Protein backbone atom coordinates (compact mmCIF):
# COMPACT_ATOMS: atom_id res chain seq x y z
CA MET A 1 17.94 202.48 197.14
CA ASP A 2 17.70 205.79 195.48
CA GLY A 3 14.31 206.46 194.24
CA GLN A 4 15.49 208.61 191.11
CA TYR A 5 17.63 205.68 189.86
CA VAL A 6 14.65 203.22 190.22
CA ALA A 7 12.36 205.71 188.25
CA THR A 8 14.96 205.94 185.37
CA ALA A 9 15.63 202.26 185.38
CA SER A 10 11.96 201.33 184.95
CA ALA A 11 11.42 204.03 182.30
CA ALA A 12 14.50 202.62 180.32
CA ARG A 13 12.92 199.14 180.06
CA PRO A 14 9.27 199.58 178.96
CA TYR A 15 6.78 196.76 178.93
CA ARG A 16 7.27 194.67 176.01
CA SER A 17 4.46 192.94 174.11
CA PRO A 18 4.10 189.25 173.87
CA ARG A 19 5.20 189.27 170.29
CA ALA A 20 8.47 191.13 171.40
CA ARG A 21 9.07 188.71 174.18
CA ALA A 22 8.55 185.69 171.99
CA ILE A 23 11.04 187.19 169.37
CA SER A 24 13.60 188.10 171.98
CA LEU A 25 13.38 184.59 173.57
CA LEU A 26 13.91 182.64 170.14
CA GLY A 27 17.66 182.97 169.83
CA PRO A 28 18.54 182.13 173.64
CA LEU A 29 16.20 179.13 173.47
CA THR A 30 17.70 177.87 170.35
CA VAL A 31 21.10 178.20 171.92
CA LEU A 32 19.83 176.34 174.88
CA ALA A 33 18.45 173.55 172.67
CA GLY A 34 21.90 173.06 170.88
CA VAL A 35 23.42 172.92 174.42
CA VAL A 36 21.07 170.48 175.77
CA TRP A 37 21.38 168.43 172.49
CA ALA A 38 25.18 168.37 172.95
CA ILE A 39 24.92 167.30 176.55
CA ALA A 40 22.28 164.57 175.92
CA GLN A 41 24.01 163.15 172.81
CA PRO A 42 27.75 163.70 173.46
CA TYR A 43 28.61 161.04 170.56
CA ARG A 44 27.55 163.41 168.16
CA LEU A 45 30.28 165.78 169.02
CA THR A 46 33.22 164.25 167.07
CA ILE A 47 35.46 167.01 168.25
CA LEU A 48 35.56 165.03 171.63
CA HIS A 49 37.03 161.93 169.79
CA PRO A 50 38.50 163.32 166.48
CA ARG A 51 40.04 160.00 165.27
CA GLY A 52 40.75 160.53 161.47
CA GLN A 53 38.16 163.23 160.96
CA GLY A 54 38.76 166.05 158.69
CA PHE A 55 38.21 169.78 159.42
CA TRP A 56 34.77 170.18 158.11
CA TRP A 57 33.44 167.11 159.95
CA LEU A 58 34.68 168.51 163.10
CA VAL A 59 33.20 171.97 162.36
CA ALA A 60 29.87 171.07 160.90
CA GLU A 61 28.45 169.26 164.00
CA PRO A 62 24.68 169.52 164.40
CA PRO A 63 24.54 170.67 167.95
CA LEU A 64 27.21 173.38 167.42
CA LEU A 65 25.31 174.42 164.31
CA VAL A 66 21.93 174.73 166.24
CA ALA A 67 23.86 176.84 168.99
CA GLY A 68 25.60 179.10 166.27
CA VAL A 69 22.30 179.63 164.40
CA GLY A 70 20.71 180.76 167.82
CA ILE A 71 23.51 183.25 168.34
CA VAL A 72 23.17 184.69 164.92
CA PHE A 73 19.54 184.91 165.11
CA ALA A 74 19.76 186.69 168.43
CA LEU A 75 22.27 189.17 167.22
CA VAL A 76 21.64 189.76 163.63
CA VAL A 77 17.90 189.19 163.06
CA ALA A 78 16.17 189.50 166.41
CA ARG A 79 17.67 192.99 167.25
CA PRO A 80 16.76 194.90 164.09
CA LEU A 81 13.40 193.04 164.12
CA LEU A 82 12.73 194.22 167.85
CA ALA A 83 13.72 197.70 166.82
CA ASP A 84 11.27 197.89 163.96
CA LEU A 85 8.58 196.48 166.11
CA GLU A 86 9.09 198.77 168.90
CA ALA A 87 8.97 201.71 166.30
CA VAL A 88 5.76 200.42 164.98
CA GLU A 89 4.24 200.13 168.45
CA ARG A 90 5.37 203.49 169.21
CA ASN A 91 3.90 204.91 166.18
CA ARG A 92 0.56 203.36 166.95
CA ALA A 93 0.42 204.53 170.59
CA ALA A 94 1.22 208.31 169.35
CA PRO A 95 -1.88 210.44 168.43
């Protein structure tokens, strides 16, 4: 393995604070919770047996909504929040 590549790879991914790690894990853990819920209670997924169900009944299923909220949080909320948090931490470290 090239030493120069390892040096740049480690420099590109600095140590994150526990707060930043917690924020970055909220989205994926929420998606995981929705998937586990869908596997644990498949009878809640009416899309698997759509007998006489309307469109909104099939779309608004709680496990799918939980997974969707996790994805939206990870992409829309967490990324800008982590960027702001990183900027604040960088300003605190700078003299």
